[in-house]
Amino acid sequence: MPAVLESGAFGNRTVAMGHEEPGPGWLSWETRPRCSRLGCQARGVVSGDLWNLLFLEEAPEFARDVLDALRQPLESGEVVVARSGVTTRFPARFTLVLAANPCPCAKTAGPADGCSCSPAVRRRYLGRISGPLLDRIDVKVELEPVGRAELLNDRGLAEPSQAVALRVLQARQRAAHRLRGTPWRLNAEIPGSQLRRNWPPAPGALAAVERSLERGLISARGVVKVIRVAWTLADLAGRPRPAGEECDTALGLWLGARR
């Protein structure tokens, strides 16, 4: 991925329970060097170099208030620390990736080794990831269990990483060209009001999104995220503007697509 960005690169960090920080479900965005039982960290998990990649493995195992603390930096791109009479802001532009099993036992629901968790246990487990936090997640994908035959076939059908990286680089170049003369170079950086006003999808492309909004299936914030992802899909496909196909795909990804 470093070649994809004009300056800097993703600083990948995986955070798993008991692997990064002391204490149950604890995240930090301190910027001064400090030591933990597993070594010294020079930067916080969220704040630091721009466009870090933060991967939270087994996200429901983190305390709900810890996860909800990510809402503000996801929304504003910065961490605000307020102390007596002093307020300090730290940059926090990062890509958040959450992974979660459907239940605590993490077993595949099936006749052989089915899940032993009750529906109430499943709801409580996934309920630790709050609705307001999910509202800020652009893409939600539910993955089905993969069998042996699929794994073997995948070797011949999988696209090489080099081809994917090239397509991403070309998409970023298209976005940067479209945004020339503005303070932004990525779709993720454009404020929602500017995105809707200056770079709307093709006429009629948002019909399914508007119906979902009327039915209460998507929030106003979600509509902006759908448009943003639709632009990314259009850039990846080499199209000048998102059409109905890109908007419908982006809506499905926001609502939660099954793969």
Foldseek 3Di string as FASTA:
>chain_A
DQVLDPDDDAPEDEDEAPPPAPDFQDFDQDQPWDAGPVGIDNGGQFFDDAAYEYEYEQVLRHALVSLVQVLVCLVPQWDWDDDVVDIDITGGHYHYHYDHQQADVNDADDDPTHDPDDPVRSCVSVCSHPPSSLLSDQFAEAEHDDDPVRVVVCVVVPDDPVVVSVLSSQLLVLQQVVQPPHPDRALSPDDLVCCCPPANADPPLCVVVVVCVVVVLHDPSNLSSLLSQLSSVCSSVVHPGRGNVSSVVSVCRSSYYYD
